[in-house]
């Protein structure tokens, strides 16, 4: 609806898929969200198995979605580089869970 009826061409993000507004396996929720027009799929609760399933169902950010993401990042001042391994280690330290980087 946002894309077709309203003509919105900005970056669209889902709500947190772990809030369970959608049903079904997490990979399917992610795939349906992208098929509905979302560019980015969010999963925020920290469950590594659920996150892996969301990543499985969501495609890489490319094409028009990547262009929209680049425009959104430029509007906020550009990209911020992240040390994924360090962030995973910090997450593991804070939560007592195994780091997956």
PDB file of N, CA and C in Angstrom:
ATOM      1  N   UNK A   1       0.820  -1.184   0.000  1.00  0.00           N
ATOM      2  CA  UNK A   1       0.000   0.000   0.000  1.00  0.00           C
ATOM      3  C   UNK A   1       0.874   1.262   0.000  1.00  0.00           C
ATOM      4  N   UNK A   2       1.903   1.269   0.836  1.00  0.00           N
ATOM      5  CA  UNK A   2       2.764   2.458   0.918  1.00  0.00           C
ATOM      6  C   UNK A   2       3.428   2.751  -0.423  1.00  0.00           C
ATOM      7  N   UNK A   3       3.859   1.723  -1.099  1.00  0.00           N
ATOM      8  CA  UNK A   3       4.560   1.912  -2.366  1.00  0.00           C
ATOM      9  C   UNK A   3       3.573   2.185  -3.505  1.00  0.00           C
ATOM     10  N   UNK A   4       2.544   1.348  -3.630  1.00  0.00           N
ATOM     11  CA  UNK A   4       1.657   1.426  -4.783  1.00  0.00           C
ATOM     12  C   UNK A   4       0.613   2.530  -4.678  1.00  0.00           C
ATOM     13  N   UNK A   5      -0.099   2.621  -3.577  1.00  0.00           N
ATOM     14  CA  UNK A   5      -1.159   3.631  -3.468  1.00  0.00           C
ATOM     15  C   UNK A   5      -0.635   5.017  -3.156  1.00  0.00           C
ATOM     16  N   UNK A   6       0.292   5.091  -2.229  1.00  0.00           N
ATOM     17  CA  UNK A   6       0.799   6.392  -1.785  1.00  0.00           C
ATOM     18  C   UNK A   6       1.993   6.838  -2.624  1.00  0.00           C
ATOM     19  N   UNK A   7       2.706   5.887  -3.211  1.00  0.00           N
ATOM     20  CA  UNK A   7       3.873   6.214  -4.024  1.00  0.00           C
ATOM     21  C   UNK A   7       5.116   6.508  -3.212  1.00  0.00           C
ATOM     22  N   UNK A   8       5.173   6.039  -1.967  1.00  0.00           N
ATOM     23  CA  UNK A   8       6.329   6.276  -1.105  1.00  0.00           C
ATOM     24  C   UNK A   8       7.533   5.532  -1.658  1.00  0.00           C
ATOM     25  N   UNK A   9       8.651   6.235  -1.824  1.00  0.00           N
ATOM     26  CA  UNK A   9       9.865   5.612  -2.337  1.00  0.00           C
ATOM     27  C   UNK A   9      11.024   5.755  -1.363  1.00  0.00           C
ATOM     28  N   UNK A  10      10.710   5.917  -0.086  1.00  0.00           N
ATOM     29  CA  UNK A  10      11.744   5.965   0.936  1.00  0.00           C
ATOM     30  C   UNK A  10      11.996   4.580   1.508  1.00  0.00           C
ATOM     31  N   UNK A  11      12.910   4.500   2.423  1.00  0.00           N
ATOM     32  CA  UNK A  11      13.274   3.245   3.067  1.00  0.00           C
ATOM     33  C   UNK A  11      12.151   2.793   3.991  1.00  0.00           C
ATOM     34  N   UNK A  12      11.702   1.551   3.812  1.00  0.00           N
ATOM     35  CA  UNK A  12      10.667   0.972   4.680  1.00  0.00           C
ATOM     36  C   UNK A  12      11.264  -0.145   5.516  1.00  0.00           C
ATOM     37  N   UNK A  13      11.034  -0.053   6.817  1.00  0.00           N
ATOM     38  CA  UNK A  13      11.495  -1.068   7.751  1.00  0.00           C
ATOM     39  C   UNK A  13      10.289  -1.728   8.403  1.00  0.00           C
ATOM     40  N   UNK A  14      10.412  -2.997   8.725  1.00  0.00           N
ATOM     41  CA  UNK A  14       9.349  -3.671   9.457  1.00  0.00           C
ATOM     42  C   UNK A  14       9.408  -3.260  10.912  1.00  0.00           C
ATOM     43  N   UNK A  15       8.373  -3.591  11.627  1.00  0.00           N
ATOM     44  CA  UNK A  15       8.421  -3.574  13.085  1.00  0.00           C
ATOM     45  C   UNK A  15       9.232  -4.811  13.476  1.00  0.00           C
ATOM     46  N   UNK A  16       9.523  -4.962  14.727  1.00  0.00           N
ATOM     47  CA  UNK A  16      10.265  -6.124  15.227  1.00  0.00           C
ATOM     48  C   UNK A  16       9.456  -7.396  14.979  1.00  0.00           C
ATOM     49  N   UNK A  17      10.000  -8.304  14.154  1.00  0.00           N
ATOM     50  CA  UNK A  17       9.283  -9.542  13.844  1.00  0.00           C
ATOM     51  C   UNK A  17       9.056 -10.420  15.074  1.00  0.00           C
ATOM     52  N   UNK A  18       9.840 -10.244  16.111  1.00  0.00           N
ATOM     53  CA  UNK A  18       9.650 -11.063  17.310  1.00  0.00           C
ATOM     54  C   UNK A  18       8.471 -10.590  18.156  1.00  0.00           C
ATOM     55  N   UNK A  19       7.834  -9.477  17.755  1.00  0.00           N
ATOM     56  CA  UNK A  19       6.650  -9.015  18.481  1.00  0.00           C
ATOM     57  C   UNK A  19       5.421  -9.852  18.118  1.00  0.00           C
ATOM     58  N   UNK A  20       5.570 -10.699  17.114  1.00  0.00           N
ATOM     59  CA  UNK A  20       4.551 -11.679  16.725  1.00  0.00           C
ATOM     60  C   UNK A  20       3.275 -11.082  16.142  1.00  0.00           C
ATOM     61  N   UNK A  21       3.372  -9.914  15.504  1.00  0.00           N
ATOM     62  CA  UNK A  21       2.222  -9.385  14.770  1.00  0.00           C
ATOM     63  C   UNK A  21       1.968 -10.241  13.539  1.00  0.00           C
ATOM     64  N   UNK A  22       3.033 -10.876  13.034  1.00  0.00           N
ATOM     65  CA  UNK A  22       2.919 -11.821  11.927  1.00  0.00           C
ATOM     66  C   UNK A  22       3.037 -13.231  12.483  1.00  0.00           C
ATOM     67  N   UNK A  23       2.468 -14.181  11.767  1.00  0.00           N
ATOM     68  CA  UNK A  23       2.542 -15.573  12.192  1.00  0.00           C
ATOM     69  C   UNK A  23       3.429 -16.364  11.238  1.00  0.00           C
ATOM     70  N   UNK A  24       3.760 -17.559  11.643  1.00  0.00           N
ATOM     71  CA  UNK A  24       4.565 -18.449  10.814  1.00  0.00           C
ATOM     72  C   UNK A  24       6.021 -18.422  11.217  1.00  0.00           C
ATOM     73  N   UNK A  25       6.807 -19.268  10.569  1.00  0.00           N
ATOM     74  CA  UNK A  25       8.250 -19.316  10.849  1.00  0.00           C
ATOM     75  C   UNK A  25       8.902 -17.972  10.536  1.00  0.00           C
ATOM     76  N   UNK A  26       9.979 -17.661  11.233  1.00  0.00           N
ATOM     77  CA  UNK A  26      10.623 -16.362  11.067  1.00  0.00           C
ATOM     78  C   UNK A  26      11.153 -16.137   9.653  1.00  0.00           C
ATOM     79  N   UNK A  27      11.679 -17.161   9.010  1.00  0.00           N
ATOM     80  CA  UNK A  27      12.152 -16.984   7.627  1.00  0.00           C
ATOM     81  C   UNK A  27      10.991 -16.582   6.723  1.00  0.00           C
ATOM     82  N   UNK A  28       9.836 -17.187   6.939  1.00  0.00           N
ATOM     83  CA  UNK A  28       8.650 -16.857   6.141  1.00  0.00           C
ATOM     84  C   UNK A  28       8.156 -15.445   6.445  1.00  0.00           C
ATOM     85  N   UNK A  29       8.180 -15.044   7.709  1.00  0.00           N
ATOM     86  CA  UNK A  29       7.776 -13.681   8.077  1.00  0.00           C
ATOM     87  C   UNK A  29       8.660 -12.661   7.368  1.00  0.00           C
ATOM     88  N   UNK A  30       9.965 -12.928   7.362  1.00  0.00           N
ATOM     89  CA  UNK A  30      10.904 -12.012   6.719  1.00  0.00           C
ATOM     90  C   UNK A  30      10.643 -11.943   5.220  1.00  0.00           C
ATOM     91  N   UNK A  31      10.488 -13.087   4.590  1.00  0.00           N
ATOM     92  CA  UNK A  31      10.252 -13.123   3.144  1.00  0.00           C
ATOM     93  C   UNK A  31       8.945 -12.428   2.784  1.00  0.00           C
ATOM     94  N   UNK A  32       7.900 -12.633   3.567  1.00  0.00           N
ATOM     95  CA  UNK A  32       6.614 -11.977   3.294  1.00  0.00           C
ATOM     96  C   UNK A  32       6.721 -10.470   3.483  1.00  0.00           C
ATOM     97  N   UNK A  33       7.504 -10.041   4.454  1.00  0.00           N
ATOM     98  CA  UNK A  33       7.688  -8.606   4.692  1.00  0.00           C
ATOM     99  C   UNK A  33       8.360  -7.936   3.502  1.00  0.00           C
ATOM    100  N   UNK A  34       9.386  -8.577   2.967  1.00  0.00           N
ATOM    101  CA  UNK A  34      10.080  -8.027   1.806  1.00  0.00           C
ATOM    102  C   UNK A  34       9.156  -8.050   0.588  1.00  0.00           C
ATOM    103  N   UNK A  35       8.402  -9.134   0.419  1.00  0.00           N
ATOM    104  CA  UNK A  35       7.466  -9.223  -0.705  1.00  0.00           C
ATOM    105  C   UNK A  35       6.392  -8.142  -0.614  1.00  0.00           C
ATOM    106  N   UNK A  36       6.075  -7.710   0.605  1.00  0.00           N
ATOM    107  CA  UNK A  36       5.063  -6.662   0.801  1.00  0.00           C
ATOM    108  C   UNK A  36       5.620  -5.266   0.559  1.00  0.00           C
ATOM    109  N   UNK A  37       6.934  -5.155   0.338  1.00  0.00           N
ATOM    110  CA  UNK A  37       7.509  -3.857   0.011  1.00  0.00           C
ATOM    111  C   UNK A  37       8.514  -3.314   1.002  1.00  0.00           C
ATOM    112  N   UNK A  38       8.754  -4.020   2.103  1.00  0.00           N
ATOM    113  CA  UNK A  38       9.743  -3.544   3.077  1.00  0.00           C
ATOM    114  C   UNK A  38      11.147  -3.778   2.543  1.00  0.00           C
ATOM    115  N   UNK A  39      12.039  -2.858   2.862  1.00  0.00           N
ATOM    116  CA  UNK A  39      13.438  -2.970   2.454  1.00  0.00           C
ATOM    117  C   UNK A  39      14.285  -3.651   3.519  1.00  0.00           C
ATOM    118  N   UNK A  40      13.970  -3.394   4.778  1.00  0.00           N
ATOM    119  CA  UNK A  40      14.753  -3.886   5.899  1.00  0.00           C
ATOM    120  C   UNK A  40      13.817  -4.602   6.859  1.00  0.00           C
ATOM    121  N   UNK A  41      14.259  -5.770   7.324  1.00  0.00           N
ATOM    122  CA  UNK A  41      13.474  -6.580   8.256  1.00  0.00           C
ATOM    123  C   UNK A  41      14.165  -6.514   9.618  1.00  0.00           C
ATOM    124  N   UNK A  42      13.415  -6.128  10.639  1.00  0.00           N
ATOM    125  CA  UNK A  42      13.981  -5.991  11.980  1.00  0.00           C
ATOM    126  C   UNK A  42      13.632  -7.181  12.858  1.00  0.00           C
ATOM    127  N   UNK A  43      14.618  -7.619  13.626  1.00  0.00           N
ATOM    128  CA  UNK A  43      14.422  -8.632  14.659  1.00  0.00           C
ATOM    129  C   UNK A  43      15.255  -8.161  15.835  1.00  0.00           C
ATOM    130  N   UNK A  44      14.621  -7.868  16.941  1.00  0.00           N
ATOM    131  CA  UNK A  44      15.304  -7.114  17.996  1.00  0.00           C
ATOM    132  C   UNK A  44      15.449  -7.819  19.336  1.00  0.00           C
ATOM    133  N   UNK A  45      15.002  -9.048  19.499  1.00  0.00           N
ATOM    134  CA  UNK A  45      15.013  -9.611  20.845  1.00  0.00           C
ATOM    135  C   UNK A  45      16.265 -10.376  21.213  1.00  0.00           C
ATOM    136  N   UNK A  46      17.175 -10.609  20.290  1.00  0.00           N
ATOM    137  CA  UNK A  46      18.438 -11.245  20.629  1.00  0.00           C
ATOM    138  C   UNK A  46      18.448 -12.754  20.584  1.00  0.00           C
ATOM    139  N   UNK A  47      17.370 -13.399  20.165  1.00  0.00           N
ATOM    140  CA  UNK A  47      17.360 -14.855  20.049  1.00  0.00           C
ATOM    141  C   UNK A  47      18.101 -15.233  18.771  1.00  0.00           C
ATOM    142  N   UNK A  48      19.282 -15.852  18.924  1.00  0.00           N
ATOM    143  CA  UNK A  48      20.155 -16.127  17.780  1.00  0.00           C
ATOM    144  C   UNK A  48      19.506 -17.049  16.754  1.00  0.00           C
ATOM    145  N   UNK A  49      18.751 -18.039  17.179  1.00  0.00           N
ATOM    146  CA  UNK A  49      18.097 -18.943  16.228  1.00  0.00           C
ATOM    147  C   UNK A  49      17.051 -18.204  15.407  1.00  0.00           C
ATOM    148  N   UNK A  50      16.275 -17.341  16.060  1.00  0.00           N
ATOM    149  CA  UNK A  50      15.288 -16.546  15.337  1.00  0.00           C
ATOM    150  C   UNK A  50      15.977 -15.589  14.368  1.00  0.00           C
ATOM    151  N   UNK A  51      17.063 -14.957  14.823  1.00  0.00           N
ATOM    152  CA  UNK A  51      17.790 -14.028  13.948  1.00  0.00           C
ATOM    153  C   UNK A  51      18.329 -14.738  12.713  1.00  0.00           C
ATOM    154  N   UNK A  52      18.832 -15.956  12.905  1.00  0.00           N
ATOM    155  CA  UNK A  52      19.353 -16.719  11.767  1.00  0.00           C
ATOM    156  C   UNK A  52      18.235 -17.032  10.786  1.00  0.00           C
ATOM    157  N   UNK A  53      17.061 -17.362  11.283  1.00  0.00           N
ATOM    158  CA  UNK A  53      15.924 -17.652  10.414  1.00  0.00           C
ATOM    159  C   UNK A  53      15.492 -16.400   9.652  1.00  0.00           C
ATOM    160  N   UNK A  54      15.490 -15.250  10.330  1.00  0.00           N
ATOM    161  CA  UNK A  54      15.136 -13.992   9.656  1.00  0.00           C
ATOM    162  C   UNK A  54      16.148 -13.706   8.552  1.00  0.00           C
ATOM    163  N   UNK A  55      17.425 -13.890   8.847  1.00  0.00           N
ATOM    164  CA  UNK A  55      18.467 -13.660   7.839  1.00  0.00           C
ATOM    165  C   UNK A  55      18.299 -14.606   6.655  1.00  0.00           C
ATOM    166  N   UNK A  56      17.872 -15.819   6.925  1.00  0.00           N
ATOM    167  CA  UNK A  56      17.642 -16.796   5.853  1.00  0.00           C
ATOM    168  C   UNK A  56      16.502 -16.342   4.933  1.00  0.00           C
ATOM    169  N   UNK A  57      15.470 -15.750   5.510  1.00  0.00           N
ATOM    170  CA  UNK A  57      14.298 -15.350   4.730  1.00  0.00           C
ATOM    171  C   UNK A  57      14.398 -13.996   4.077  1.00  0.00           C
ATOM    172  N   UNK A  58      15.346 -13.187   4.518  1.00  0.00           N
ATOM    173  CA  UNK A  58      15.487 -11.831   3.971  1.00  0.00           C
ATOM    174  C   UNK A  58      16.623 -11.801   2.956  1.00  0.00           C
ATOM    175  N   UNK A  59      16.391 -11.223   1.785  1.00  0.00           N
ATOM    176  CA  UNK A  59      17.465 -11.155   0.791  1.00  0.00           C
ATOM    177  C   UNK A  59      18.500 -10.108   1.186  1.00  0.00           C
ATOM    178  N   UNK A  60      19.646 -10.150   0.507  1.00  0.00           N
ATOM    179  CA  UNK A  60      20.663  -9.109   0.697  1.00  0.00           C
ATOM    180  C   UNK A  60      20.066  -7.774   0.269  1.00  0.00           C
ATOM    181  N   UNK A  61      20.525  -6.730   0.886  1.00  0.00           N
ATOM    182  CA  UNK A  61      20.073  -5.377   0.542  1.00  0.00           C
ATOM    183  C   UNK A  61      20.765  -4.965  -0.749  1.00  0.00           C
ATOM    184  N   UNK A  62      20.000  -4.924  -1.841  1.00  0.00           N
ATOM    185  CA  UNK A  62      20.564  -4.575  -3.139  1.00  0.00           C
ATOM    186  C   UNK A  62      19.487  -3.935  -4.007  1.00  0.00           C
ATOM    187  N   UNK A  63      19.889  -3.470  -5.166  1.00  0.00           N
ATOM    188  CA  UNK A  63      18.933  -2.874  -6.096  1.00  0.00           C
ATOM    189  C   UNK A  63      18.274  -1.628  -5.529  1.00  0.00           C
ATOM    190  N   UNK A  64      16.971  -1.483  -5.779  1.00  0.00           N
ATOM    191  CA  UNK A  64      16.215  -0.303  -5.326  1.00  0.00           C
ATOM    192  C   UNK A  64      16.245  -0.173  -3.804  1.00  0.00           C
ATOM    193  N   UNK A  65      16.184  -1.296  -3.101  1.00  0.00           N
ATOM    194  CA  UNK A  65      16.217  -1.241  -1.640  1.00  0.00           C
ATOM    195  C   UNK A  65      17.541  -0.648  -1.153  1.00  0.00           C
ATOM    196  N   UNK A  66      18.636  -1.047  -1.774  1.00  0.00           N
ATOM    197  CA  UNK A  66      19.949  -0.499  -1.405  1.00  0.00           C
ATOM    198  C   UNK A  66      20.027   0.989  -1.731  1.00  0.00           C
ATOM    199  N   UNK A  67      19.452   1.393  -2.849  1.00  0.00           N
ATOM    200  CA  UNK A  67      19.426   2.819  -3.198  1.00  0.00           C
ATOM    201  C   UNK A  67      18.649   3.612  -2.151  1.00  0.00           C
ATOM    202  N   UNK A  68      17.511   3.081  -1.731  1.00  0.00           N
ATOM    203  CA  UNK A  68      16.714   3.780  -0.697  1.00  0.00           C
ATOM    204  C   UNK A  68      17.492   3.843   0.619  1.00  0.00           C
ATOM    205  N   UNK A  69      18.183   2.765   0.960  1.00  0.00           N
ATOM    206  CA  UNK A  69      18.985   2.752   2.188  1.00  0.00           C
ATOM    207  C   UNK A  69      20.116   3.769   2.098  1.00  0.00           C
ATOM    208  N   UNK A  70      20.769   3.846   0.949  1.00  0.00           N
ATOM    209  CA  UNK A  70      21.844   4.827   0.770  1.00  0.00           C
ATOM    210  C   UNK A  70      21.326   6.252   0.918  1.00  0.00           C
ATOM    211  N   UNK A  71      20.138   6.521   0.343  1.00  0.00           N
ATOM    212  CA  UNK A  71      19.546   7.870   0.482  1.00  0.00           C
ATOM    213  C   UNK A  71      19.235   8.178   1.944  1.00  0.00           C
ATOM    214  N   UNK A  72      18.702   7.187   2.660  1.00  0.00           N
ATOM    215  CA  UNK A  72      18.374   7.400   4.078  1.00  0.00           C
ATOM    216  C   UNK A  72      19.639   7.644   4.893  1.00  0.00           C
ATOM    217  N   UNK A  73      20.687   6.877   4.610  1.00  0.00           N
ATOM    218  CA  UNK A  73      21.949   7.077   5.328  1.00  0.00           C
ATOM    219  C   UNK A  73      22.565   8.438   5.009  1.00  0.00           C
ATOM    220  N   UNK A  74      22.490   8.838   3.754  1.00  0.00           N
ATOM    221  CA  UNK A  74      23.034  10.145   3.371  1.00  0.00           C
ATOM    222  C   UNK A  74      22.285  11.268   4.074  1.00  0.00           C
ATOM    223  N   UNK A  75      20.989  11.099   4.238  1.00  0.00           N
ATOM    224  CA  UNK A  75      20.183  12.125   4.900  1.00  0.00           C
ATOM    225  C   UNK A  75      20.550  12.269   6.373  1.00  0.00           C
ATOM    226  N   UNK A  76      21.076  11.216   6.964  1.00  0.00           N
ATOM    227  CA  UNK A  76      21.467  11.290   8.378  1.00  0.00           C
ATOM    228  C   UNK A  76      22.961  11.533   8.553  1.00  0.00           C
ATOM    229  N   UNK A  77      23.692  11.719   7.454  1.00  0.00           N
ATOM    230  CA  UNK A  77      25.103  12.073   7.567  1.00  0.00           C
ATOM    231  C   UNK A  77      26.058  10.985   7.124  1.00  0.00           C
ATOM    232  N   UNK A  78      25.597   9.939   6.490  1.00  0.00           N
ATOM    233  CA  UNK A  78      26.482   8.907   5.957  1.00  0.00           C
ATOM    234  C   UNK A  78      26.510   7.637   6.782  1.00  0.00           C
ATOM    235  N   UNK A  79      27.306   6.713   6.285  1.00  0.00           N
ATOM    236  CA  UNK A  79      27.435   5.404   6.932  1.00  0.00           C
ATOM    237  C   UNK A  79      28.347   5.482   8.144  1.00  0.00           C
ATOM    238  N   UNK A  80      28.096   4.585   9.070  1.00  0.00           N
ATOM    239  CA  UNK A  80      28.975   4.430  10.225  1.00  0.00           C
ATOM    240  C   UNK A  80      29.537   3.012  10.156  1.00  0.00           C
ATOM    241  N   UNK A  81      30.847   2.893  10.076  1.00  0.00           N
ATOM    242  CA  UNK A  81      31.477   1.578  10.008  1.00  0.00           C
ATOM    243  C   UNK A  81      31.384   0.910  11.384  1.00  0.00           C
ATOM    244  N   UNK A  82      31.145  -0.387  11.382  1.00  0.00           N
ATOM    245  CA  UNK A  82      31.014  -1.131  12.632  1.00  0.00           C
ATOM    246  C   UNK A  82      31.943  -2.325  12.614  1.00  0.00           C
ATOM    247  N   UNK A  83      32.556  -2.594  13.738  1.00  0.00           N
ATOM    248  CA  UNK A  83      33.371  -3.797  13.925  1.00  0.00           C
ATOM    249  C   UNK A  83      32.421  -4.879  14.418  1.00  0.00           C
ATOM    250  N   UNK A  84      31.918  -5.692  13.494  1.00  0.00           N
ATOM    251  CA  UNK A  84      30.883  -6.677  13.814  1.00  0.00           C
ATOM    252  C   UNK A  84      31.376  -7.673  14.858  1.00  0.00           C
ATOM    253  N   UNK A  85      32.602  -8.135  14.744  1.00  0.00           N
ATOM    254  CA  UNK A  85      33.138  -9.097  15.708  1.00  0.00           C
ATOM    255  C   UNK A  85      33.191  -8.486  17.109  1.00  0.00           C
ATOM    256  N   UNK A  86      33.613  -7.224  17.206  1.00  0.00           N
ATOM    257  CA  UNK A  86      33.674  -6.562  18.513  1.00  0.00           C
ATOM    258  C   UNK A  86      32.274  -6.368  19.087  1.00  0.00           C
ATOM    259  N   UNK A  87      31.317  -6.015  18.230  1.00  0.00           N
ATOM    260  CA  UNK A  87      29.935  -5.849  18.704  1.00  0.00           C
ATOM    261  C   UNK A  87      29.352  -7.182  19.166  1.00  0.00           C
ATOM    262  N   UNK A  88      29.634  -8.254  18.439  1.00  0.00           N
ATOM    263  CA  UNK A  88      29.153  -9.584  18.841  1.00  0.00           C
ATOM    264  C   UNK A  88      29.768 -10.002  20.172  1.00  0.00           C
ATOM    265  N   UNK A  89      31.047  -9.709  20.354  1.00  0.00           N
ATOM    266  CA  UNK A  89      31.711 -10.038  21.615  1.00  0.00           C
ATOM    267  C   UNK A  89      31.129  -9.224  22.766  1.00  0.00           C
ATOM    268  N   UNK A  90      30.860  -7.953  22.522  1.00  0.00           N
ATOM    269  CA  UNK A  90      30.249  -7.109  23.548  1.00  0.00           C
ATOM    270  C   UNK A  90      28.857  -7.620  23.903  1.00  0.00           C
ATOM    271  N   UNK A  91      28.093  -7.999  22.885  1.00  0.00           N
ATOM    272  CA  UNK A  91      26.752  -8.567  23.103  1.00  0.00           C
ATOM    273  C   UNK A  91      26.855  -9.835  23.955  1.00  0.00           C
ATOM    274  N   UNK A  92      27.790 -10.707  23.604  1.00  0.00           N
ATOM    275  CA  UNK A  92      27.968 -11.949  24.352  1.00  0.00           C
ATOM    276  C   UNK A  92      28.343 -11.657  25.802  1.00  0.00           C
ATOM    277  N   UNK A  93      29.199 -10.666  25.992  1.00  0.00           N
ATOM    278  CA  UNK A  93      29.609 -10.299  27.350  1.00  0.00           C
ATOM    279  C   UNK A  93      28.429  -9.766  28.161  1.00  0.00           C
ATOM    280  N   UNK A  94      27.602  -8.947  27.530  1.00  0.00           N
ATOM    281  CA  UNK A  94      26.453  -8.360  28.224  1.00  0.00           C
ATOM    282  C   UNK A  94      25.355  -9.369  28.533  1.00  0.00           C
ATOM    283  N   UNK A  95      25.175 -10.336  27.644  1.00  0.00           N
ATOM    284  CA  UNK A  95      24.057 -11.270  27.785  1.00  0.00           C
ATOM    285  C   UNK A  95      24.463 -12.650  28.302  1.00  0.00           C
ATOM    286  N   UNK A  96      25.763 -12.940  28.294  1.00  0.00           N
ATOM    287  CA  UNK A  96      26.205 -14.267  28.695  1.00  0.00           C
ATOM    288  C   UNK A  96      25.959 -15.314  27.626  1.00  0.00           C
ATOM    289  N   UNK A  97      25.699 -14.874  26.393  1.00  0.00           N
ATOM    290  CA  UNK A  97      25.459 -15.792  25.280  1.00  0.00           C
ATOM    291  C   UNK A  97      26.704 -15.895  24.406  1.00  0.00           C
ATOM    292  N   UNK A  98      26.774 -16.912  23.599  1.00  0.00           N
ATOM    293  CA  UNK A  98      27.891 -17.115  22.683  1.00  0.00           C
ATOM    294  C   UNK A  98      27.810 -16.098  21.565  1.00  0.00           C
ATOM    295  N   UNK A  99      28.955 -15.503  21.235  1.00  0.00           N
ATOM    296  CA  UNK A  99      29.001 -14.512  20.160  1.00  0.00           C
ATOM    297  C   UNK A  99      28.933 -15.200  18.802  1.00  0.00           C
ATOM    298  N   UNK A 100      28.134 -14.635  17.882  1.00  0.00           N
ATOM    299  CA  UNK A 100      28.023 -15.112  16.498  1.00  0.00           C
ATOM    300  C   UNK A 100      28.334 -13.946  15.583  1.00  0.00           C
ATOM    301  N   UNK A 101      29.574 -13.881  15.105  1.00  0.00           N
ATOM    302  CA  UNK A 101      29.928 -12.775  14.216  1.00  0.00           C
ATOM    303  C   UNK A 101      30.262 -13.263  12.841  1.00  0.00           C
TER     304      UNK A 101
END
